[in-house]
Structures are given as structure tokens and as C-alpha cells.
Amino acid sequence: MTSETHYDPYTGRPVDAGAEVGADSSSVAVRLGLEPPRFCAECGRRMVVQIVPDGWSSVCSRHGLIDSAATGRR
């Protein structure tokens, strides 16, 4: 039996498997989908985030690139 830990991409804290992403964040921008993820959801590491005119991109040193186009927010 394996237990994979997932992390909130906005706070970096571990979350339960059934929890809603960003639910524990008090930021209005996160709830509206305006804030890009700052932490990797798989490992909890801080990501390098770049804001561009039509969206954002985040890079985890272990898991690679996450783009706003891939998440449907562009």
C-alpha cells in the first residue's frame, strides 16, 4: 500500500487526497484563479514562476514546466 503525499500549489503545505486545491488559502486571487501556483503539487518545492502578458509558466526543479495553457487558464 503506497501513500502519495500531495501539496497545495499555493501554500506548499501537504494536503489530503480529497481536498480542494487552494481551499485553505485565504487569498481572493487564488480563489478567482488569478494567482499562479508557487509550489509544486507533487513535491512541495518552490517553483520559478514567470508572468507573461497572456498567462504564466512555472518550473519545478524536479518535475519540469507547468504552463497556464496546460491548465486551461490562458
C-alpha atoms as a PDB file:
ATOM      1  CA  MET A   1       0.000   0.000   0.000  1.00  0.00           C
ATOM      2  CA  THR A   2       1.568   3.270  -1.117  1.00  0.00           C
ATOM      3  CA  SER A   3       0.649   6.669   0.206  1.00  0.00           C
ATOM      4  CA  GLU A   4       1.459   9.553  -2.109  1.00  0.00           C
ATOM      5  CA  THR A   5       1.618  12.954  -0.469  1.00  0.00           C
ATOM      6  CA  HIS A   6       0.360  15.900  -2.492  1.00  0.00           C
ATOM      7  CA  TYR A   7       0.933  19.566  -1.738  1.00  0.00           C
ATOM      8  CA  ASP A   8      -1.115  22.725  -2.111  1.00  0.00           C
ATOM      9  CA  PRO A   9       0.418  24.582  -5.089  1.00  0.00           C
ATOM     10  CA  TYR A  10      -0.306  27.959  -3.477  1.00  0.00           C
ATOM     11  CA  THR A  11       0.966  27.344   0.068  1.00  0.00           C
ATOM     12  CA  GLY A  12       3.321  24.349  -0.226  1.00  0.00           C
ATOM     13  CA  ARG A  13       1.611  22.539   2.656  1.00  0.00           C
ATOM     14  CA  PRO A  14       0.687  18.834   2.452  1.00  0.00           C
ATOM     15  CA  VAL A  15      -2.994  18.208   1.633  1.00  0.00           C
ATOM     16  CA  ASP A  16      -5.321  15.228   1.792  1.00  0.00           C
ATOM     17  CA  ALA A  17      -6.083  13.398  -1.447  1.00  0.00           C
ATOM     18  CA  GLY A  18      -9.724  14.537  -1.470  1.00  0.00           C
ATOM     19  CA  ALA A  19      -9.091  18.174  -0.555  1.00  0.00           C
ATOM     20  CA  GLU A  20      -9.821  21.001  -2.990  1.00  0.00           C
ATOM     21  CA  VAL A  21      -6.748  22.777  -4.408  1.00  0.00           C
ATOM     22  CA  GLY A  22      -6.280  26.179  -2.804  1.00  0.00           C
ATOM     23  CA  ALA A  23      -9.112  25.586  -0.318  1.00  0.00           C
ATOM     24  CA  ASP A  24      -7.011  26.525   2.723  1.00  0.00           C
ATOM     25  CA  SER A  25      -5.638  29.683   1.097  1.00  0.00           C
ATOM     26  CA  SER A  26      -7.225  32.943   2.157  1.00  0.00           C
ATOM     27  CA  SER A  27      -6.160  34.816  -0.984  1.00  0.00           C
ATOM     28  CA  VAL A  28      -9.001  36.083  -3.151  1.00  0.00           C
ATOM     29  CA  ALA A  29      -6.719  35.903  -6.214  1.00  0.00           C
ATOM     30  CA  VAL A  30      -6.202  32.161  -5.649  1.00  0.00           C
ATOM     31  CA  ARG A  31      -9.934  31.546  -5.345  1.00  0.00           C
ATOM     32  CA  LEU A  32     -10.570  33.516  -8.557  1.00  0.00           C
ATOM     33  CA  GLY A  33      -7.823  31.661 -10.426  1.00  0.00           C
ATOM     34  CA  LEU A  34      -5.684  34.765 -10.936  1.00  0.00           C
ATOM     35  CA  GLU A  35      -2.665  33.664  -8.889  1.00  0.00           C
ATOM     36  CA  PRO A  36      -0.204  31.204 -10.476  1.00  0.00           C
ATOM     37  CA  PRO A  37       0.914  28.204  -8.413  1.00  0.00           C
ATOM     38  CA  ARG A  38       4.123  28.933  -6.491  1.00  0.00           C
ATOM     39  CA  PHE A  39       4.822  25.402  -5.200  1.00  0.00           C
ATOM     40  CA  CYS A  40       4.969  22.034  -6.970  1.00  0.00           C
ATOM     41  CA  ALA A  41       1.857  19.960  -6.217  1.00  0.00           C
ATOM     42  CA  GLU A  42       3.891  16.735  -6.413  1.00  0.00           C
ATOM     43  CA  CYS A  43       6.877  17.538  -4.185  1.00  0.00           C
ATOM     44  CA  GLY A  44       6.098  20.845  -2.423  1.00  0.00           C
ATOM     45  CA  ARG A  45       9.247  22.580  -3.699  1.00  0.00           C
ATOM     46  CA  ARG A  46       9.156  26.289  -4.521  1.00  0.00           C
ATOM     47  CA  MET A  47       8.902  26.834  -8.283  1.00  0.00           C
ATOM     48  CA  VAL A  48      10.356  29.553 -10.511  1.00  0.00           C
ATOM     49  CA  VAL A  49       7.324  31.488 -11.810  1.00  0.00           C
ATOM     50  CA  GLN A  50       7.284  33.805 -14.802  1.00  0.00           C
ATOM     51  CA  ILE A  51       4.291  36.021 -15.551  1.00  0.00           C
ATOM     52  CA  VAL A  52       3.762  36.780 -19.246  1.00  0.00           C
ATOM     53  CA  PRO A  53       1.091  39.000 -20.856  1.00  0.00           C
ATOM     54  CA  ASP A  54      -1.135  36.063 -21.788  1.00  0.00           C
ATOM     55  CA  GLY A  55      -0.611  33.830 -18.726  1.00  0.00           C
ATOM     56  CA  TRP A  56       2.191  32.345 -16.637  1.00  0.00           C
ATOM     57  CA  SER A  57       4.682  29.488 -16.531  1.00  0.00           C
ATOM     58  CA  SER A  58       6.134  27.692 -13.510  1.00  0.00           C
ATOM     59  CA  VAL A  59       9.155  25.401 -13.424  1.00  0.00           C
ATOM     60  CA  CYS A  60       9.849  22.790 -10.738  1.00  0.00           C
ATOM     61  CA  SER A  61      13.470  21.671 -10.488  1.00  0.00           C
ATOM     62  CA  ARG A  62      12.293  18.040 -10.230  1.00  0.00           C
ATOM     63  CA  HIS A  63       9.076  17.864 -12.284  1.00  0.00           C
ATOM     64  CA  GLY A  64       9.551  20.428 -15.049  1.00  0.00           C
ATOM     65  CA  LEU A  65       7.288  23.023 -16.644  1.00  0.00           C
ATOM     66  CA  ILE A  66       3.659  23.813 -15.825  1.00  0.00           C
ATOM     67  CA  ASP A  67       2.017  26.363 -18.120  1.00  0.00           C
ATOM     68  CA  SER A  68      -1.260  28.252 -17.758  1.00  0.00           C
ATOM     69  CA  ALA A  69      -2.257  26.969 -21.220  1.00  0.00           C
ATOM     70  CA  ALA A  70      -1.971  23.383 -19.944  1.00  0.00           C
ATOM     71  CA  THR A  71      -4.259  24.146 -17.002  1.00  0.00           C
ATOM     72  CA  GLY A  72      -6.870  25.905 -19.148  1.00  0.00           C
ATOM     73  CA  ARG A  73      -6.268  29.334 -17.648  1.00  0.00           C
ATOM     74  CA  ARG A  74      -4.877  31.030 -20.756  1.00  0.00           C
END
